[in-house]
């Protein structure tokens, strides 16, 4: 049972690891995995070593610069869609806020102002993520 849990933890960590490095070249992915393997070996974490070696074999077998570029393009498109949806949400909240202000409902005004501030913070975060994804994509071309 302990072995299964360890393997699942490694797989989950690898998913996060490869997602975070999606815009890197295949060679960089291989180098990063090899570094992680050395670290896991130093600490005697043989289950993690096995999982990382499997991930390394998958990268060697399936990774190509074209697939890395395609993944980066998909990430940019996904973030652009998310940004458009957030802008739409903000426009709706702004309309609700204007309506509450016109009716003089102070409690609703406060509610919509707070909601608007939250959505604008989300928008800034998405925009920053999109800018990073675009710069990574540009670095791959």
C-alpha atoms as a PDB file:
ATOM      1  CA  UNK A   1       0.000   0.000   0.000  1.00  0.00           C
ATOM      2  CA  UNK A   2       2.836   2.350   0.904  1.00  0.00           C
ATOM      3  CA  UNK A   3       4.404   1.670  -2.492  1.00  0.00           C
ATOM      4  CA  UNK A   4       1.176   2.608  -4.306  1.00  0.00           C
ATOM      5  CA  UNK A   5       0.871   5.855  -2.363  1.00  0.00           C
ATOM      6  CA  UNK A   6       4.492   6.724  -3.106  1.00  0.00           C
ATOM      7  CA  UNK A   7       4.021   6.054  -6.800  1.00  0.00           C
ATOM      8  CA  UNK A   8       0.875   8.171  -6.899  1.00  0.00           C
ATOM      9  CA  UNK A   9       2.736  10.993  -5.171  1.00  0.00           C
ATOM     10  CA  UNK A  10       5.526  10.771  -7.743  1.00  0.00           C
ATOM     11  CA  UNK A  11       3.060  10.791 -10.633  1.00  0.00           C
ATOM     12  CA  UNK A  12       1.270  13.827  -9.175  1.00  0.00           C
ATOM     13  CA  UNK A  13       4.576  15.607  -8.652  1.00  0.00           C
ATOM     14  CA  UNK A  14       5.637  14.815 -12.201  1.00  0.00           C
ATOM     15  CA  UNK A  15       2.396  16.217 -13.560  1.00  0.00           C
ATOM     16  CA  UNK A  16       2.990  19.495 -11.773  1.00  0.00           C
ATOM     17  CA  UNK A  17       6.666  19.394 -12.722  1.00  0.00           C
ATOM     18  CA  UNK A  18       6.037  18.909 -16.439  1.00  0.00           C
ATOM     19  CA  UNK A  19       3.211  21.455 -16.482  1.00  0.00           C
ATOM     20  CA  UNK A  20       5.427  24.079 -14.898  1.00  0.00           C
ATOM     21  CA  UNK A  21       8.081  23.426 -17.531  1.00  0.00           C
ATOM     22  CA  UNK A  22       5.798  23.009 -20.530  1.00  0.00           C
ATOM     23  CA  UNK A  23       7.445  25.786 -22.482  1.00  0.00           C
ATOM     24  CA  UNK A  24      10.967  24.437 -22.073  1.00  0.00           C
ATOM     25  CA  UNK A  25      12.774  22.474 -24.731  1.00  0.00           C
ATOM     26  CA  UNK A  26      12.948  18.720 -24.621  1.00  0.00           C
ATOM     27  CA  UNK A  27      16.638  18.871 -23.744  1.00  0.00           C
ATOM     28  CA  UNK A  28      15.879  21.121 -20.802  1.00  0.00           C
ATOM     29  CA  UNK A  29      13.144  18.747 -19.641  1.00  0.00           C
ATOM     30  CA  UNK A  30      15.553  15.825 -19.824  1.00  0.00           C
ATOM     31  CA  UNK A  31      18.220  17.725 -17.909  1.00  0.00           C
ATOM     32  CA  UNK A  32      15.741  18.744 -15.215  1.00  0.00           C
ATOM     33  CA  UNK A  33      14.509  15.173 -14.816  1.00  0.00           C
ATOM     34  CA  UNK A  34      18.064  13.860 -14.609  1.00  0.00           C
ATOM     35  CA  UNK A  35      18.818  16.411 -11.898  1.00  0.00           C
ATOM     36  CA  UNK A  36      15.712  15.340  -9.972  1.00  0.00           C
ATOM     37  CA  UNK A  37      16.800  11.697 -10.331  1.00  0.00           C
ATOM     38  CA  UNK A  38      20.232  12.498  -8.850  1.00  0.00           C
ATOM     39  CA  UNK A  39      18.607  14.319  -5.931  1.00  0.00           C
ATOM     40  CA  UNK A  40      16.172  11.473  -5.266  1.00  0.00           C
ATOM     41  CA  UNK A  41      19.064   8.983  -5.398  1.00  0.00           C
ATOM     42  CA  UNK A  42      21.029  11.046  -2.878  1.00  0.00           C
ATOM     43  CA  UNK A  43      18.138  10.850  -0.450  1.00  0.00           C
ATOM     44  CA  UNK A  44      17.484   7.165  -1.088  1.00  0.00           C
ATOM     45  CA  UNK A  45      13.979   7.751  -2.431  1.00  0.00           C
ATOM     46  CA  UNK A  46      13.968   4.809  -4.834  1.00  0.00           C
ATOM     47  CA  UNK A  47      10.260   4.977  -5.614  1.00  0.00           C
ATOM     48  CA  UNK A  48      10.691   8.552  -6.759  1.00  0.00           C
ATOM     49  CA  UNK A  49      13.766   7.550  -8.774  1.00  0.00           C
ATOM     50  CA  UNK A  50      11.718   4.869 -10.529  1.00  0.00           C
ATOM     51  CA  UNK A  51       8.943   7.326 -11.334  1.00  0.00           C
ATOM     52  CA  UNK A  52      11.366   9.952 -12.567  1.00  0.00           C
ATOM     53  CA  UNK A  53      13.163   7.420 -14.750  1.00  0.00           C
ATOM     54  CA  UNK A  54       9.829   6.457 -16.272  1.00  0.00           C
ATOM     55  CA  UNK A  55       9.061  10.126 -16.911  1.00  0.00           C
ATOM     56  CA  UNK A  56      12.498  10.566 -18.476  1.00  0.00           C
ATOM     57  CA  UNK A  57      11.856   7.629 -20.796  1.00  0.00           C
ATOM     58  CA  UNK A  58       8.504   9.184 -21.795  1.00  0.00           C
ATOM     59  CA  UNK A  59      10.155  12.529 -22.516  1.00  0.00           C
ATOM     60  CA  UNK A  60      12.839  10.853 -24.611  1.00  0.00           C
ATOM     61  CA  UNK A  61      10.253   8.809 -26.499  1.00  0.00           C
ATOM     62  CA  UNK A  62       7.560  11.411 -27.091  1.00  0.00           C
ATOM     63  CA  UNK A  63       8.931  14.909 -26.653  1.00  0.00           C
ATOM     64  CA  UNK A  64       9.701  16.962 -29.708  1.00  0.00           C
ATOM     65  CA  UNK A  65      10.236  20.655 -30.093  1.00  0.00           C
ATOM     66  CA  UNK A  66       7.073  20.745 -32.211  1.00  0.00           C
ATOM     67  CA  UNK A  67       5.048  19.210 -29.379  1.00  0.00           C
ATOM     68  CA  UNK A  68       6.542  21.673 -26.892  1.00  0.00           C
ATOM     69  CA  UNK A  69       5.654  24.545 -29.226  1.00  0.00           C
ATOM     70  CA  UNK A  70       2.117  23.197 -29.672  1.00  0.00           C
ATOM     71  CA  UNK A  71       1.684  22.884 -25.908  1.00  0.00           C
ATOM     72  CA  UNK A  72       2.863  26.461 -25.421  1.00  0.00           C
ATOM     73  CA  UNK A  73       0.433  27.685 -28.095  1.00  0.00           C
ATOM     74  CA  UNK A  74      -2.422  25.801 -26.421  1.00  0.00           C
ATOM     75  CA  UNK A  75      -1.534  27.374 -23.078  1.00  0.00           C
ATOM     76  CA  UNK A  76      -1.583  30.884 -24.595  1.00  0.00           C
ATOM     77  CA  UNK A  77      -4.952  30.211 -26.252  1.00  0.00           C
ATOM     78  CA  UNK A  78      -6.371  28.847 -22.988  1.00  0.00           C
ATOM     79  CA  UNK A  79      -5.234  31.923 -21.064  1.00  0.00           C
ATOM     80  CA  UNK A  80      -6.576  34.270 -23.740  1.00  0.00           C
ATOM     81  CA  UNK A  81      -9.978  32.593 -23.443  1.00  0.00           C
ATOM     82  CA  UNK A  82      -9.848  32.814 -19.656  1.00  0.00           C
ATOM     83  CA  UNK A  83      -8.934  36.507 -19.900  1.00  0.00           C
ATOM     84  CA  UNK A  84     -11.879  37.209 -22.212  1.00  0.00           C
ATOM     85  CA  UNK A  85     -14.256  35.429 -19.828  1.00  0.00           C
ATOM     86  CA  UNK A  86     -12.932  37.405 -16.858  1.00  0.00           C
ATOM     87  CA  UNK A  87     -13.384  40.680 -18.757  1.00  0.00           C
ATOM     88  CA  UNK A  88     -16.980  39.679 -19.482  1.00  0.00           C
ATOM     89  CA  UNK A  89     -17.520  38.919 -15.775  1.00  0.00           C
ATOM     90  CA  UNK A  90     -16.099  42.317 -14.858  1.00  0.00           C
ATOM     91  CA  UNK A  91     -18.399  44.082 -17.311  1.00  0.00           C
ATOM     92  CA  UNK A  92     -21.406  42.320 -15.751  1.00  0.00           C
ATOM     93  CA  UNK A  93     -20.363  43.278 -12.226  1.00  0.00           C
ATOM     94  CA  UNK A  94     -19.783  46.873 -13.329  1.00  0.00           C
ATOM     95  CA  UNK A  95     -23.301  46.966 -14.784  1.00  0.00           C
ATOM     96  CA  UNK A  96     -24.707  45.580 -11.521  1.00  0.00           C
ATOM     97  CA  UNK A  97     -22.704  48.171  -9.587  1.00  0.00           C
ATOM     98  CA  UNK A  98     -24.025  51.040 -11.721  1.00  0.00           C
ATOM     99  CA  UNK A  99     -27.563  49.764 -11.252  1.00  0.00           C
ATOM    100  CA  UNK A 100     -27.131  49.551  -7.466  1.00  0.00           C
ATOM    101  CA  UNK A 101     -25.668  53.064  -7.421  1.00  0.00           C
ATOM    102  CA  UNK A 102     -28.584  54.385  -9.490  1.00  0.00           C
ATOM    103  CA  UNK A 103     -31.073  52.834  -7.074  1.00  0.00           C
ATOM    104  CA  UNK A 104     -29.146  54.131  -4.075  1.00  0.00           C
ATOM    105  CA  UNK A 105     -28.719  50.716  -2.437  1.00  0.00           C
ATOM    106  CA  UNK A 106     -25.599  51.171  -0.314  1.00  0.00           C
ATOM    107  CA  UNK A 107     -25.367  47.535   0.770  1.00  0.00           C
ATOM    108  CA  UNK A 108     -25.492  46.345  -2.845  1.00  0.00           C
ATOM    109  CA  UNK A 109     -22.957  48.992  -3.892  1.00  0.00           C
ATOM    110  CA  UNK A 110     -20.495  47.711  -1.292  1.00  0.00           C
ATOM    111  CA  UNK A 111     -21.124  44.115  -2.341  1.00  0.00           C
ATOM    112  CA  UNK A 112     -20.497  44.848  -6.021  1.00  0.00           C
ATOM    113  CA  UNK A 113     -17.450  47.014  -5.298  1.00  0.00           C
ATOM    114  CA  UNK A 114     -15.896  44.137  -3.345  1.00  0.00           C
ATOM    115  CA  UNK A 115     -16.813  41.676  -6.095  1.00  0.00           C
ATOM    116  CA  UNK A 116     -15.369  44.008  -8.728  1.00  0.00           C
ATOM    117  CA  UNK A 117     -12.091  44.369  -6.831  1.00  0.00           C
ATOM    118  CA  UNK A 118     -11.765  40.563  -6.567  1.00  0.00           C
ATOM    119  CA  UNK A 119     -12.431  40.056 -10.256  1.00  0.00           C
ATOM    120  CA  UNK A 120      -9.981  42.801 -11.205  1.00  0.00           C
ATOM    121  CA  UNK A 121      -7.300  41.125  -9.075  1.00  0.00           C
ATOM    122  CA  UNK A 122      -8.045  37.849 -10.854  1.00  0.00           C
ATOM    123  CA  UNK A 123      -7.805  39.656 -14.182  1.00  0.00           C
ATOM    124  CA  UNK A 124      -4.357  41.045 -13.305  1.00  0.00           C
ATOM    125  CA  UNK A 125      -3.176  37.558 -12.327  1.00  0.00           C
ATOM    126  CA  UNK A 126      -4.464  36.022 -15.554  1.00  0.00           C
ATOM    127  CA  UNK A 127      -2.865  38.839 -17.562  1.00  0.00           C
ATOM    128  CA  UNK A 128       0.490  38.208 -15.848  1.00  0.00           C
ATOM    129  CA  UNK A 129       0.205  34.470 -16.580  1.00  0.00           C
ATOM    130  CA  UNK A 130      -0.667  35.237 -20.187  1.00  0.00           C
ATOM    131  CA  UNK A 131       2.299  37.589 -20.549  1.00  0.00           C
ATOM    132  CA  UNK A 132       4.628  34.881 -19.169  1.00  0.00           C
ATOM    133  CA  UNK A 133       3.131  32.265 -21.494  1.00  0.00           C
ATOM    134  CA  UNK A 134       3.494  34.574 -24.491  1.00  0.00           C
ATOM    135  CA  UNK A 135       7.133  35.339 -23.669  1.00  0.00           C
ATOM    136  CA  UNK A 136       7.862  31.605 -23.273  1.00  0.00           C
ATOM    137  CA  UNK A 137       6.165  30.962 -26.605  1.00  0.00           C
ATOM    138  CA  UNK A 138       8.192  33.709 -28.247  1.00  0.00           C
ATOM    139  CA  UNK A 139      11.360  32.147 -26.833  1.00  0.00           C
ATOM    140  CA  UNK A 140      10.488  28.840 -28.498  1.00  0.00           C
ATOM    141  CA  UNK A 141      10.014  30.329 -31.958  1.00  0.00           C
END
